[in-house]
Amino acid sequence: MTEINFQKLDELYNTRPLTSVIPANTQSITVQNSDGTYSHMPVSEAQYYTVSQFQDIITDASDIVKASSRSKLLELDLYLMYTKFPSIQVAVEPDLSAFQYILVRNFPLPPTLSTRKGKVKPYKYPFEDFLLVLTGYPAMGPHGVHIKRSSPNWELINKALKDKEDGQEHVYEEQIGGEDLSAKERRTLSAGGWDWLCFHYDSDDGDDSWNFNIRDIRQGDCLAKYFVNLQVALRGEFPDA
């Protein structure tokens, strides 16, 4: 696996010049400031700013595609995760150029789970490791995540995600449904001690409702938001969990 160097990414995204993402034929740009307001400037002024200073960037022609390749999109998505959850460490299998899995280590769990019966139960360990299959990324989101069967938090995580109506468990020895893993790969993960955690995007008709915005991933579904939602669910606050 290839480890993601978040320190290097932090330096990159905080120093990258605004001119590096502006198409050559652009005459002017509109930027969204951190307070939500918009400013208009000629492209000649862009040399004085960095990409990280603005929430959004729009040229006089179209939205800027800030990352054109699958690997760059994942890199930016993981960086957004890191800004929200700075304790995480991420490894990519086999590497960013041809990734299939990512391992997210030291993801911060909420201190407690508030159950539907009003009880508050603490997690035994404050961090958890999750394995994600991303063969269809970015067009498809994670079809659930995998958690170690030996995790001290296994039982409480399962309780947090039980179905409200029928009490059905959401942690299984092998992944159910989805086309991102072959039967052999599912058996390999299970034999390696990984259980599948059923937590993914669904629409009312049962189809995957993941909607990744390639122009600005903060405006659509992304891994950073996925893990925010997972953390909310593990507190017992996710409405459909």
C-alpha atoms as a PDB file:
ATOM      1  CA  MET A   1       0.000   0.000   0.000  1.00  0.00           C
ATOM      2  CA  THR A   2       1.059   3.605  -0.641  1.00  0.00           C
ATOM      3  CA  GLU A   3       0.814   6.034   2.277  1.00  0.00           C
ATOM      4  CA  ILE A   4      -0.679   9.488   1.631  1.00  0.00           C
ATOM      5  CA  ASN A   5       1.611  12.312   2.763  1.00  0.00           C
ATOM      6  CA  PHE A   6      -0.871  14.858   4.144  1.00  0.00           C
ATOM      7  CA  GLN A   7       1.865  17.295   5.154  1.00  0.00           C
ATOM      8  CA  LYS A   8       2.970  17.517   1.534  1.00  0.00           C
ATOM      9  CA  LEU A   9      -0.647  17.875   0.363  1.00  0.00           C
ATOM     10  CA  ASP A  10      -1.230  20.598   2.935  1.00  0.00           C
ATOM     11  CA  GLU A  11       1.745  22.533   1.601  1.00  0.00           C
ATOM     12  CA  LEU A  12       0.592  21.988  -1.979  1.00  0.00           C
ATOM     13  CA  TYR A  13      -3.004  23.145  -1.517  1.00  0.00           C
ATOM     14  CA  ASN A  14      -2.035  26.140   0.606  1.00  0.00           C
ATOM     15  CA  THR A  15       0.635  27.418  -1.780  1.00  0.00           C
ATOM     16  CA  ARG A  16      -0.753  26.442  -5.189  1.00  0.00           C
ATOM     17  CA  PRO A  17      -1.143  29.686  -7.225  1.00  0.00           C
ATOM     18  CA  LEU A  18      -4.580  30.597  -8.496  1.00  0.00           C
ATOM     19  CA  THR A  19      -3.134  30.941 -11.997  1.00  0.00           C
ATOM     20  CA  SER A  20      -2.414  27.183 -12.037  1.00  0.00           C
ATOM     21  CA  VAL A  21      -6.115  26.329 -12.386  1.00  0.00           C
ATOM     22  CA  ILE A  22      -7.194  29.031 -14.830  1.00  0.00           C
ATOM     23  CA  PRO A  23      -7.544  28.092 -18.538  1.00  0.00           C
ATOM     24  CA  ALA A  24      -5.295  30.007 -20.934  1.00  0.00           C
ATOM     25  CA  ASN A  25      -8.163  31.753 -22.758  1.00  0.00           C
ATOM     26  CA  THR A  26      -9.721  33.207 -19.597  1.00  0.00           C
ATOM     27  CA  GLN A  27     -10.154  36.987 -19.388  1.00  0.00           C
ATOM     28  CA  SER A  28     -11.748  37.330 -15.954  1.00  0.00           C
ATOM     29  CA  ILE A  29     -12.720  35.238 -12.940  1.00  0.00           C
ATOM     30  CA  THR A  30     -15.258  35.337 -10.133  1.00  0.00           C
ATOM     31  CA  VAL A  31     -14.214  33.931  -6.761  1.00  0.00           C
ATOM     32  CA  GLN A  32     -16.259  33.040  -3.701  1.00  0.00           C
ATOM     33  CA  ASN A  33     -14.621  34.363  -0.544  1.00  0.00           C
ATOM     34  CA  SER A  34     -14.523  32.519   2.784  1.00  0.00           C
ATOM     35  CA  ASP A  35     -17.437  34.636   4.068  1.00  0.00           C
ATOM     36  CA  GLY A  36     -19.648  33.540   1.149  1.00  0.00           C
ATOM     37  CA  THR A  37     -19.432  36.805  -0.814  1.00  0.00           C
ATOM     38  CA  TYR A  38     -18.220  36.955  -4.428  1.00  0.00           C
ATOM     39  CA  SER A  39     -15.495  39.109  -5.999  1.00  0.00           C
ATOM     40  CA  HIS A  40     -14.766  39.766  -9.661  1.00  0.00           C
ATOM     41  CA  MET A  41     -11.236  40.318 -10.943  1.00  0.00           C
ATOM     42  CA  PRO A  42      -9.293  40.375 -14.214  1.00  0.00           C
ATOM     43  CA  VAL A  43      -7.160  37.276 -14.703  1.00  0.00           C
ATOM     44  CA  SER A  44      -3.993  39.391 -14.407  1.00  0.00           C
ATOM     45  CA  GLU A  45      -4.644  39.747 -10.653  1.00  0.00           C
ATOM     46  CA  ALA A  46      -4.825  35.981 -10.065  1.00  0.00           C
ATOM     47  CA  GLN A  47      -1.042  35.746  -9.655  1.00  0.00           C
ATOM     48  CA  TYR A  48      -1.361  37.378  -6.228  1.00  0.00           C
ATOM     49  CA  TYR A  49      -3.626  34.654  -4.769  1.00  0.00           C
ATOM     50  CA  THR A  50      -3.575  30.924  -3.977  1.00  0.00           C
ATOM     51  CA  VAL A  51      -6.284  28.338  -4.692  1.00  0.00           C
ATOM     52  CA  SER A  52      -6.900  27.679  -0.993  1.00  0.00           C
ATOM     53  CA  GLN A  53      -8.018  31.271  -0.342  1.00  0.00           C
ATOM     54  CA  PHE A  54     -11.379  30.800  -2.081  1.00  0.00           C
ATOM     55  CA  GLN A  55     -14.388  28.534  -1.626  1.00  0.00           C
ATOM     56  CA  ASP A  56     -15.155  28.444  -5.345  1.00  0.00           C
ATOM     57  CA  ILE A  57     -13.659  29.756  -8.585  1.00  0.00           C
ATOM     58  CA  ILE A  58     -15.582  30.517 -11.782  1.00  0.00           C
ATOM     59  CA  THR A  59     -14.105  31.733 -15.059  1.00  0.00           C
ATOM     60  CA  ASP A  60     -15.909  33.924 -17.579  1.00  0.00           C
ATOM     61  CA  ALA A  61     -16.544  30.719 -19.533  1.00  0.00           C
ATOM     62  CA  SER A  62     -17.334  27.987 -17.007  1.00  0.00           C
ATOM     63  CA  ASP A  63     -16.552  26.475 -13.633  1.00  0.00           C
ATOM     64  CA  ILE A  64     -12.935  25.437 -13.268  1.00  0.00           C
ATOM     65  CA  VAL A  65     -12.240  21.706 -13.229  1.00  0.00           C
ATOM     66  CA  LYS A  66      -9.775  21.711 -10.355  1.00  0.00           C
ATOM     67  CA  ALA A  67      -8.704  18.084 -10.783  1.00  0.00           C
ATOM     68  CA  SER A  68      -8.880  16.337 -14.120  1.00  0.00           C
ATOM     69  CA  SER A  69      -7.828  12.778 -13.358  1.00  0.00           C
ATOM     70  CA  ARG A  70      -9.230  10.072 -11.110  1.00  0.00           C
ATOM     71  CA  SER A  71      -6.093  10.054  -8.970  1.00  0.00           C
ATOM     72  CA  LYS A  72      -6.120  13.843  -8.536  1.00  0.00           C
ATOM     73  CA  LEU A  73      -9.795  13.783  -7.569  1.00  0.00           C
ATOM     74  CA  LEU A  74      -9.099  11.147  -4.910  1.00  0.00           C
ATOM     75  CA  GLU A  75      -6.072  13.086  -3.686  1.00  0.00           C
ATOM     76  CA  LEU A  76      -8.168  16.236  -3.237  1.00  0.00           C
ATOM     77  CA  ASP A  77     -11.011  14.265  -1.631  1.00  0.00           C
ATOM     78  CA  LEU A  78      -8.620  12.681   0.873  1.00  0.00           C
ATOM     79  CA  TYR A  79      -7.148  16.080   1.631  1.00  0.00           C
ATOM     80  CA  LEU A  80     -10.638  17.403   2.429  1.00  0.00           C
ATOM     81  CA  MET A  81     -11.085  14.401   4.739  1.00  0.00           C
ATOM     82  CA  TYR A  82      -7.816  15.267   6.437  1.00  0.00           C
ATOM     83  CA  THR A  83      -8.912  18.881   7.050  1.00  0.00           C
ATOM     84  CA  LYS A  84     -12.036  17.565   8.790  1.00  0.00           C
ATOM     85  CA  PHE A  85     -10.384  14.628  10.577  1.00  0.00           C
ATOM     86  CA  PRO A  86      -6.669  15.471  11.100  1.00  0.00           C
ATOM     87  CA  SER A  87      -6.027  12.285  13.107  1.00  0.00           C
ATOM     88  CA  ILE A  88      -6.472  10.034  10.064  1.00  0.00           C
ATOM     89  CA  GLN A  89      -3.769   8.198   8.173  1.00  0.00           C
ATOM     90  CA  VAL A  90      -4.603   6.870   4.710  1.00  0.00           C
ATOM     91  CA  ALA A  91      -2.969   4.171   2.590  1.00  0.00           C
ATOM     92  CA  VAL A  92      -3.954   3.493  -1.023  1.00  0.00           C
ATOM     93  CA  GLU A  93      -3.797   0.060  -2.672  1.00  0.00           C
ATOM     94  CA  PRO A  94      -1.821  -0.304  -4.825  1.00  0.00           C
ATOM     95  CA  ASP A  95      -1.152   3.424  -5.414  1.00  0.00           C
ATOM     96  CA  LEU A  96      -2.845   6.651  -6.536  1.00  0.00           C
ATOM     97  CA  SER A  97      -2.424   5.838 -10.224  1.00  0.00           C
ATOM     98  CA  ALA A  98      -4.437   2.592 -10.080  1.00  0.00           C
ATOM     99  CA  PHE A  99      -6.183   2.446  -6.724  1.00  0.00           C
ATOM    100  CA  GLN A 100      -8.832  -0.116  -5.766  1.00  0.00           C
ATOM    101  CA  TYR A 101      -8.858   0.116  -1.975  1.00  0.00           C
ATOM    102  CA  ILE A 102      -8.072   2.736   0.613  1.00  0.00           C
ATOM    103  CA  LEU A 103      -7.366   2.040   4.266  1.00  0.00           C
ATOM    104  CA  VAL A 104      -8.371   4.854   6.616  1.00  0.00           C
ATOM    105  CA  ARG A 105      -6.621   4.457   9.961  1.00  0.00           C
ATOM    106  CA  ASN A 106      -7.330   6.328  13.203  1.00  0.00           C
ATOM    107  CA  PHE A 107     -10.718   7.651  12.160  1.00  0.00           C
ATOM    108  CA  PRO A 108     -12.145   9.468  15.210  1.00  0.00           C
ATOM    109  CA  LEU A 109     -15.307   7.901  16.568  1.00  0.00           C
ATOM    110  CA  PRO A 110     -17.809   9.932  18.591  1.00  0.00           C
ATOM    111  CA  PRO A 111     -17.280   9.473  22.331  1.00  0.00           C
ATOM    112  CA  THR A 112     -20.659   7.795  22.781  1.00  0.00           C
ATOM    113  CA  LEU A 113     -23.635   6.284  20.987  1.00  0.00           C
ATOM    114  CA  SER A 114     -27.090   7.536  21.932  1.00  0.00           C
ATOM    115  CA  THR A 115     -29.379   4.562  21.337  1.00  0.00           C
ATOM    116  CA  ARG A 116     -32.969   4.780  20.169  1.00  0.00           C
ATOM    117  CA  LYS A 117     -34.052   3.730  23.675  1.00  0.00           C
ATOM    118  CA  GLY A 118     -32.369   6.801  25.146  1.00  0.00           C
ATOM    119  CA  LYS A 119     -29.311   5.036  26.541  1.00  0.00           C
ATOM    120  CA  VAL A 120     -25.822   6.492  26.144  1.00  0.00           C
ATOM    121  CA  LYS A 121     -23.043   3.965  25.590  1.00  0.00           C
ATOM    122  CA  PRO A 122     -19.317   4.799  25.237  1.00  0.00           C
ATOM    123  CA  TYR A 123     -17.143   3.347  22.498  1.00  0.00           C
ATOM    124  CA  LYS A 124     -14.362   1.176  23.905  1.00  0.00           C
ATOM    125  CA  TYR A 125     -11.662   2.781  21.747  1.00  0.00           C
ATOM    126  CA  PRO A 126     -11.774   6.362  20.381  1.00  0.00           C
ATOM    127  CA  PHE A 127     -10.454   5.494  16.888  1.00  0.00           C
ATOM    128  CA  GLU A 128     -11.312   2.943  14.206  1.00  0.00           C
ATOM    129  CA  ASP A 129      -9.769   1.639  10.982  1.00  0.00           C
ATOM    130  CA  PHE A 130     -11.977   1.360   7.893  1.00  0.00           C
ATOM    131  CA  LEU A 131     -11.255  -0.264   4.529  1.00  0.00           C
ATOM    132  CA  LEU A 132     -13.093   1.140   1.491  1.00  0.00           C
ATOM    133  CA  VAL A 133     -13.460  -0.389  -1.960  1.00  0.00           C
ATOM    134  CA  LEU A 134     -13.348   2.375  -4.574  1.00  0.00           C
ATOM    135  CA  THR A 135     -13.210   0.558  -7.909  1.00  0.00           C
ATOM    136  CA  GLY A 136     -16.011   2.744  -9.321  1.00  0.00           C
ATOM    137  CA  TYR A 137     -14.823   6.076  -7.870  1.00  0.00           C
ATOM    138  CA  PRO A 138     -15.648   8.897  -8.524  1.00  0.00           C
ATOM    139  CA  ALA A 139     -18.757   7.901 -10.527  1.00  0.00           C
ATOM    140  CA  MET A 140     -19.745   5.478  -7.754  1.00  0.00           C
ATOM    141  CA  GLY A 141     -19.398   6.024  -4.039  1.00  0.00           C
ATOM    142  CA  PRO A 142     -18.347   3.444  -1.449  1.00  0.00           C
ATOM    143  CA  HIS A 143     -20.692   0.462  -1.241  1.00  0.00           C
ATOM    144  CA  GLY A 144     -20.287   0.347   2.502  1.00  0.00           C
ATOM    145  CA  VAL A 145     -16.990   0.019   4.377  1.00  0.00           C
ATOM    146  CA  HIS A 146     -15.110  -2.861   5.989  1.00  0.00           C
ATOM    147  CA  ILE A 147     -14.201  -3.069   9.665  1.00  0.00           C
ATOM    148  CA  LYS A 148     -11.965  -5.556  11.457  1.00  0.00           C
ATOM    149  CA  ARG A 149     -13.929  -8.392  13.067  1.00  0.00           C
ATOM    150  CA  SER A 150     -11.619  -8.156  16.068  1.00  0.00           C
ATOM    151  CA  SER A 151     -12.365  -4.469  16.688  1.00  0.00           C
ATOM    152  CA  PRO A 152     -13.370  -3.663  20.282  1.00  0.00           C
ATOM    153  CA  ASN A 153     -15.978  -1.298  18.780  1.00  0.00           C
ATOM    154  CA  TRP A 154     -17.582  -3.923  16.502  1.00  0.00           C
ATOM    155  CA  GLU A 155     -20.627  -4.594  18.702  1.00  0.00           C
ATOM    156  CA  LEU A 156     -21.493  -0.945  19.344  1.00  0.00           C
ATOM    157  CA  ILE A 157     -20.996   0.055  15.703  1.00  0.00           C
ATOM    158  CA  ASN A 158     -23.382  -2.728  14.703  1.00  0.00           C
ATOM    159  CA  LYS A 159     -25.893  -1.458  17.262  1.00  0.00           C
ATOM    160  CA  ALA A 160     -25.562   2.109  15.966  1.00  0.00           C
ATOM    161  CA  LEU A 161     -26.532   1.090  12.428  1.00  0.00           C
ATOM    162  CA  LYS A 162     -29.313  -1.398  13.129  1.00  0.00           C
ATOM    163  CA  ASP A 163     -32.426  -0.784  11.060  1.00  0.00           C
ATOM    164  CA  LYS A 164     -35.013   1.285  12.928  1.00  0.00           C
ATOM    165  CA  GLU A 165     -38.015  -0.735  11.799  1.00  0.00           C
ATOM    166  CA  ASP A 166     -36.969  -4.371  11.843  1.00  0.00           C
ATOM    167  CA  GLY A 167     -33.779  -4.279  13.928  1.00  0.00           C
ATOM    168  CA  GLN A 168     -31.776  -5.882  11.124  1.00  0.00           C
ATOM    169  CA  GLU A 169     -28.038  -5.809  11.648  1.00  0.00           C
ATOM    170  CA  HIS A 170     -25.808  -3.889   9.233  1.00  0.00           C
ATOM    171  CA  VAL A 171     -22.483  -5.691   9.765  1.00  0.00           C
ATOM    172  CA  TYR A 172     -21.883  -8.869   7.768  1.00  0.00           C
ATOM    173  CA  GLU A 173     -19.012 -11.281   7.213  1.00  0.00           C
ATOM    174  CA  GLU A 174     -19.120 -10.591   3.457  1.00  0.00           C
ATOM    175  CA  GLN A 175     -20.354  -7.707   1.320  1.00  0.00           C
ATOM    176  CA  ILE A 176     -23.917  -8.032   0.027  1.00  0.00           C
ATOM    177  CA  GLY A 177     -24.846  -6.549  -3.350  1.00  0.00           C
ATOM    178  CA  GLY A 178     -22.823  -4.072  -5.376  1.00  0.00           C
ATOM    179  CA  GLU A 179     -20.637  -4.780  -8.382  1.00  0.00           C
ATOM    180  CA  ASP A 180     -17.342  -3.398  -7.078  1.00  0.00           C
ATOM    181  CA  LEU A 181     -16.043  -6.716  -5.702  1.00  0.00           C
ATOM    182  CA  SER A 182     -15.891 -10.204  -7.172  1.00  0.00           C
ATOM    183  CA  ALA A 183     -16.959 -13.205  -5.071  1.00  0.00           C
ATOM    184  CA  LYS A 184     -13.292 -14.174  -4.709  1.00  0.00           C
ATOM    185  CA  GLU A 185     -12.342 -10.698  -3.458  1.00  0.00           C
ATOM    186  CA  ARG A 186     -15.186 -10.755  -0.943  1.00  0.00           C
ATOM    187  CA  ARG A 187     -14.016 -14.100   0.399  1.00  0.00           C
ATOM    188  CA  THR A 188     -10.430 -12.813   0.590  1.00  0.00           C
ATOM    189  CA  LEU A 189     -11.452  -9.791   2.663  1.00  0.00           C
ATOM    190  CA  SER A 190     -13.580 -11.948   4.953  1.00  0.00           C
ATOM    191  CA  ALA A 191     -10.749 -14.448   5.413  1.00  0.00           C
ATOM    192  CA  GLY A 192      -8.487 -11.521   6.303  1.00  0.00           C
ATOM    193  CA  GLY A 193     -10.763 -10.655   9.214  1.00  0.00           C
ATOM    194  CA  TRP A 194     -12.674  -7.817   7.548  1.00  0.00           C
ATOM    195  CA  ASP A 195     -16.454  -7.596   8.048  1.00  0.00           C
ATOM    196  CA  TRP A 196     -18.610  -5.493   5.746  1.00  0.00           C
ATOM    197  CA  LEU A 197     -20.465  -2.515   7.208  1.00  0.00           C
ATOM    198  CA  CYS A 198     -23.608  -1.678   5.201  1.00  0.00           C
ATOM    199  CA  PHE A 199     -23.560   2.098   4.997  1.00  0.00           C
ATOM    200  CA  HIS A 200     -23.986   3.627   1.555  1.00  0.00           C
ATOM    201  CA  TYR A 201     -26.001   6.143  -0.439  1.00  0.00           C
ATOM    202  CA  ASP A 202     -29.487   5.066  -1.524  1.00  0.00           C
ATOM    203  CA  SER A 203     -32.368   6.868  -3.182  1.00  0.00           C
ATOM    204  CA  ASP A 204     -36.060   6.154  -2.637  1.00  0.00           C
ATOM    205  CA  ASP A 205     -36.113   3.641  -5.514  1.00  0.00           C
ATOM    206  CA  GLY A 206     -33.145   1.736  -4.106  1.00  0.00           C
ATOM    207  CA  ASP A 207     -30.581   2.979  -6.621  1.00  0.00           C
ATOM    208  CA  ASP A 208     -27.264   4.520  -5.645  1.00  0.00           C
ATOM    209  CA  SER A 209     -27.865   8.263  -5.176  1.00  0.00           C
ATOM    210  CA  TRP A 210     -24.159   9.209  -5.031  1.00  0.00           C
ATOM    211  CA  ASN A 211     -23.676  12.447  -6.995  1.00  0.00           C
ATOM    212  CA  PHE A 212     -20.014  13.440  -7.351  1.00  0.00           C
ATOM    213  CA  ASN A 213     -19.401  16.973  -8.654  1.00  0.00           C
ATOM    214  CA  ILE A 214     -16.217  16.845 -10.729  1.00  0.00           C
ATOM    215  CA  ARG A 215     -16.047  20.647 -11.001  1.00  0.00           C
ATOM    216  CA  ASP A 216     -16.117  21.291  -7.260  1.00  0.00           C
ATOM    217  CA  ILE A 217     -16.265  18.170  -5.111  1.00  0.00           C
ATOM    218  CA  ARG A 218     -17.356  20.177  -2.065  1.00  0.00           C
ATOM    219  CA  GLN A 219     -20.637  20.898  -3.856  1.00  0.00           C
ATOM    220  CA  GLY A 220     -21.521  17.211  -4.347  1.00  0.00           C
ATOM    221  CA  ASP A 221     -21.078  13.872  -2.629  1.00  0.00           C
ATOM    222  CA  CYS A 222     -17.515  12.945  -1.728  1.00  0.00           C
ATOM    223  CA  LEU A 223     -15.573  10.755   0.692  1.00  0.00           C
ATOM    224  CA  ALA A 224     -15.153  13.642   3.135  1.00  0.00           C
ATOM    225  CA  LYS A 225     -18.942  14.039   3.414  1.00  0.00           C
ATOM    226  CA  TYR A 226     -19.409  10.264   3.483  1.00  0.00           C
ATOM    227  CA  PHE A 227     -17.280  10.016   6.622  1.00  0.00           C
ATOM    228  CA  VAL A 228     -19.007  13.009   8.197  1.00  0.00           C
ATOM    229  CA  ASN A 229     -22.304  11.156   7.727  1.00  0.00           C
ATOM    230  CA  LEU A 230     -20.799   7.926   9.060  1.00  0.00           C
ATOM    231  CA  GLN A 231     -19.638   9.715  12.191  1.00  0.00           C
ATOM    232  CA  VAL A 232     -23.111  11.189  12.684  1.00  0.00           C
ATOM    233  CA  ALA A 233     -24.638   7.722  12.280  1.00  0.00           C
ATOM    234  CA  LEU A 234     -22.246   6.287  14.858  1.00  0.00           C
ATOM    235  CA  ARG A 235     -23.476   8.907  17.333  1.00  0.00           C
ATOM    236  CA  GLY A 236     -26.982   7.542  16.788  1.00  0.00           C
ATOM    237  CA  GLU A 237     -28.228  10.683  15.000  1.00  0.00           C
ATOM    238  CA  PHE A 238     -28.502   9.535  11.387  1.00  0.00           C
ATOM    239  CA  PRO A 239     -32.223   9.531  10.475  1.00  0.00           C
ATOM    240  CA  ASP A 240     -32.206   6.466   8.205  1.00  0.00           C
ATOM    241  CA  ALA A 241     -29.622   4.357   9.989  1.00  0.00           C
END
